[in-house]
C-alpha atoms as a PDB file:
ATOM      1  CA  MET A   1      84.464  81.165 114.105  1.00  0.00           C
ATOM      2  CA  SER A   2      86.559  79.746 111.120  1.00  0.00           C
ATOM      3  CA  ASP A   3      83.928  81.326 108.403  1.00  0.00           C
ATOM      4  CA  ALA A   4      84.843  85.043 108.114  1.00  0.00           C
ATOM      5  CA  SER A   5      82.158  85.383 105.792  1.00  0.00           C
ATOM      6  CA  ILE A   6      78.951  87.131 105.604  1.00  0.00           C
ATOM      7  CA  GLU A   7      77.203  83.869 105.530  1.00  0.00           C
ATOM      8  CA  GLY A   8      79.384  82.464 108.357  1.00  0.00           C
ATOM      9  CA  LEU A   9      78.500  85.360 110.415  1.00  0.00           C
ATOM     10  CA  THR A  10      75.349  84.845 109.749  1.00  0.00           C
ATOM     11  CA  VAL A  11      74.901  81.616 110.852  1.00  0.00           C
ATOM     12  CA  ALA A  12      77.746  82.226 114.075  1.00  0.00           C
ATOM     13  CA  LEU A  13      74.520  85.126 114.693  1.00  0.00           C
ATOM     14  CA  ARG A  14      71.486  82.746 114.315  1.00  0.00           C
ATOM     15  CA  LYS A  15      73.448  80.323 117.131  1.00  0.00           C
ATOM     16  CA  PHE A  16      74.503  83.121 119.351  1.00  0.00           C
ATOM     17  CA  ALA A  17      70.816  84.348 119.579  1.00  0.00           C
ATOM     18  CA  GLU A  18      69.171  80.771 119.586  1.00  0.00           C
ATOM     19  CA  GLU A  19      71.745  79.799 122.845  1.00  0.00           C
ATOM     20  CA  ARG A  20      70.178  82.921 124.502  1.00  0.00           C
ATOM     21  CA  ASP A  21      66.779  82.629 123.512  1.00  0.00           C
ATOM     22  CA  TRP A  22      66.682  86.138 121.722  1.00  0.00           C
ATOM     23  CA  ASP A  23      65.312  85.114 118.542  1.00  0.00           C
ATOM     24  CA  GLN A  24      62.001  86.086 120.419  1.00  0.00           C
ATOM     25  CA  PHE A  25      63.381  89.926 120.225  1.00  0.00           C
ATOM     26  CA  HIS A  26      64.585  90.152 116.919  1.00  0.00           C
ATOM     27  CA  THR A  27      62.168  91.325 114.988  1.00  0.00           C
ATOM     28  CA  PRO A  28      63.103  93.235 112.148  1.00  0.00           C
ATOM     29  CA  LYS A  29      62.033  96.365 113.356  1.00  0.00           C
ATOM     30  CA  ASN A  30      63.757  95.568 117.032  1.00  0.00           C
ATOM     31  CA  LEU A  31      67.004  95.209 114.764  1.00  0.00           C
ATOM     32  CA  ALA A  32      66.878  97.909 112.953  1.00  0.00           C
ATOM     33  CA  THR A  33      66.115  99.971 115.990  1.00  0.00           C
ATOM     34  CA  ALA A  34      69.280  98.649 117.672  1.00  0.00           C
ATOM     35  CA  MET A  35      71.564  99.099 114.348  1.00  0.00           C
ATOM     36  CA  ILE A  36      70.348 102.747 114.915  1.00  0.00           C
ATOM     37  CA  VAL A  37      71.435 103.091 118.326  1.00  0.00           C
ATOM     38  CA  GLU A  38      74.693 101.801 117.802  1.00  0.00           C
ATOM     39  CA  ALA A  39      75.052 103.832 114.932  1.00  0.00           C
ATOM     40  CA  GLY A  40      74.667 106.928 117.595  1.00  0.00           C
ATOM     41  CA  GLU A  41      77.045 105.137 119.646  1.00  0.00           C
ATOM     42  CA  LEU A  42      79.783 105.180 116.676  1.00  0.00           C
ATOM     43  CA  LEU A  43      78.751 108.531 115.797  1.00  0.00           C
ATOM     44  CA  GLU A  44      79.444 110.137 119.258  1.00  0.00           C
ATOM     45  CA  HIS A  45      83.168 109.131 118.774  1.00  0.00           C
ATOM     46  CA  PHE A  46      83.608 111.510 115.681  1.00  0.00           C
ATOM     47  CA  GLN A  47      81.154 114.349 117.431  1.00  0.00           C
ATOM     48  CA  TRP A  48      83.791 117.107 118.476  1.00  0.00           C
ATOM     49  CA  MET A  49      86.383 116.148 115.658  1.00  0.00           C
ATOM     50  CA  ASP A  50      87.283 118.747 113.177  1.00  0.00           C
ATOM     51  CA  ARG A  51      87.584 116.010 110.335  1.00  0.00           C
ATOM     52  CA  GLY A  52      88.101 112.285 112.282  1.00  0.00           C
ATOM     53  CA  ASN A  53      90.244 111.009 109.645  1.00  0.00           C
ATOM     54  CA  ARG A  54      92.332 107.766 110.745  1.00  0.00           C
ATOM     55  CA  GLU A  55      95.340 109.723 111.815  1.00  0.00           C
ATOM     56  CA  ASP A  56      92.912 111.855 114.496  1.00  0.00           C
ATOM     57  CA  PHE A  57      92.528 108.531 116.349  1.00  0.00           C
ATOM     58  CA  SER A  58      94.930 106.996 118.844  1.00  0.00           C
ATOM     59  CA  ALA A  59      95.416 102.714 118.663  1.00  0.00           C
ATOM     60  CA  ARG A  60      92.634 102.347 121.522  1.00  0.00           C
ATOM     61  CA  GLN A  61      90.547 104.779 119.880  1.00  0.00           C
ATOM     62  CA  ARG A  62      90.352 102.920 116.719  1.00  0.00           C
ATOM     63  CA  GLU A  63      90.014 100.072 117.996  1.00  0.00           C
ATOM     64  CA  VAL A  64      86.854 101.107 120.323  1.00  0.00           C
ATOM     65  CA  VAL A  65      85.159 102.476 117.194  1.00  0.00           C
ATOM     66  CA  SER A  66      85.945  99.845 115.105  1.00  0.00           C
ATOM     67  CA  LEU A  67      84.031  97.676 118.120  1.00  0.00           C
ATOM     68  CA  GLU A  68      81.208 100.214 117.163  1.00  0.00           C
ATOM     69  CA  MET A  69      81.521  99.194 113.675  1.00  0.00           C
ATOM     70  CA  ALA A  70      81.105  95.666 114.437  1.00  0.00           C
ATOM     71  CA  ASP A  71      77.984  96.517 116.262  1.00  0.00           C
ATOM     72  CA  VAL A  72      76.276  98.133 113.264  1.00  0.00           C
ATOM     73  CA  PHE A  73      77.655  95.466 111.147  1.00  0.00           C
ATOM     74  CA  LEU A  74      76.414  92.465 113.077  1.00  0.00           C
ATOM     75  CA  TYR A  75      73.095  94.028 113.715  1.00  0.00           C
ATOM     76  CA  LEU A  76      72.581  94.985 109.854  1.00  0.00           C
ATOM     77  CA  ILE A  77      73.213  91.321 109.281  1.00  0.00           C
ATOM     78  CA  ARG A  78      71.132  90.034 111.547  1.00  0.00           C
ATOM     79  CA  LEU A  79      68.360  91.926 110.205  1.00  0.00           C
ATOM     80  CA  ALA A  80      68.983  90.881 106.454  1.00  0.00           C
ATOM     81  CA  ASP A  81      69.148  87.514 107.538  1.00  0.00           C
ATOM     82  CA  LYS A  82      65.433  88.073 108.984  1.00  0.00           C
ATOM     83  CA  LEU A  83      64.340  89.352 106.422  1.00  0.00           C
ATOM     84  CA  GLY A  84      65.743  87.015 103.413  1.00  0.00           C
ATOM     85  CA  VAL A  85      68.012  89.949 102.205  1.00  0.00           C
ATOM     86  CA  ASP A  86      71.203  89.273 100.396  1.00  0.00           C
ATOM     87  CA  LEU A  87      73.452  92.060 101.411  1.00  0.00           C
ATOM     88  CA  ILE A  88      75.975  91.282  98.847  1.00  0.00           C
ATOM     89  CA  ASP A  89      73.379  91.524  96.010  1.00  0.00           C
ATOM     90  CA  ALA A  90      71.915  94.088  97.292  1.00  0.00           C
ATOM     91  CA  ALA A  91      74.930  96.316  97.764  1.00  0.00           C
ATOM     92  CA  LEU A  92      76.254  95.704  93.938  1.00  0.00           C
ATOM     93  CA  ARG A  93      72.734  96.244  93.058  1.00  0.00           C
ATOM     94  CA  LYS A  94      72.896  99.543  94.740  1.00  0.00           C
ATOM     95  CA  LEU A  95      75.800 100.167  93.422  1.00  0.00           C
ATOM     96  CA  GLU A  96      74.794 100.514  90.051  1.00  0.00           C
ATOM     97  CA  VAL A  97      71.792 102.305  90.943  1.00  0.00           C
ATOM     98  CA  ASN A  98      74.252 104.708  92.125  1.00  0.00           C
ATOM     99  CA  ALA A  99      76.556 105.034  89.351  1.00  0.00           C
ATOM    100  CA  LEU A 100      73.306 106.015  87.068  1.00  0.00           C
ATOM    101  CA  LYS A 101      72.332 108.753  89.766  1.00  0.00           C
ATOM    102  CA  TYR A 102      75.989 110.128  89.835  1.00  0.00           C
ATOM    103  CA  PRO A 103      77.549 109.745  86.435  1.00  0.00           C
ATOM    104  CA  VAL A 104      81.217 110.577  86.725  1.00  0.00           C
ATOM    105  CA  ALA A 105      81.187 113.217  84.477  1.00  0.00           C
ATOM    106  CA  LEU A 106      78.467 115.238  86.322  1.00  0.00           C
ATOM    107  CA  ALA A 107      79.700 113.988  90.146  1.00  0.00           C
ATOM    108  CA  ARG A 108      83.610 113.903  89.834  1.00  0.00           C
ATOM    109  CA  GLY A 109      84.903 115.764  92.790  1.00  0.00           C
ATOM    110  CA  ASN A 110      81.212 117.392  93.677  1.00  0.00           C
ATOM    111  CA  SER A 111      79.725 116.435  96.882  1.00  0.00           C
ATOM    112  CA  LYS A 112      76.066 117.322  95.737  1.00  0.00           C
ATOM    113  CA  LYS A 113      73.231 115.612  95.882  1.00  0.00           C
ATOM    114  CA  TYR A 114      72.171 113.873  92.684  1.00  0.00           C
ATOM    115  CA  THR A 115      69.205 115.979  92.339  1.00  0.00           C
ATOM    116  CA  ASP A 116      71.229 119.012  92.177  1.00  0.00           C
ATOM    117  CA  LEU A 117      74.479 117.930  89.685  1.00  0.00           C
END
């Protein structure tokens, strides 16, 4: 694949699903469910770690974790395609929302939820 953009991945995923006649299974509900299952598989690698920082993983473990992350990412891209969501636009809008919810003066160095700041 030569186009490593969100758009390029979207097209590649469409083609991948079409070639396998999987579009019939890729309903938004099924894609959201599959994404959460994959997120659970990702979380499994952190389950018994104290911190789960980069240095806590061997190169092989990081590779396995990166592929689990890719599964989550690919399902998210496919879900966004099915729902007509521009992920970059949505992410930028969400950053703006979060900046209002978590003003620097109140949130800096604080892990509390915005309702508790």
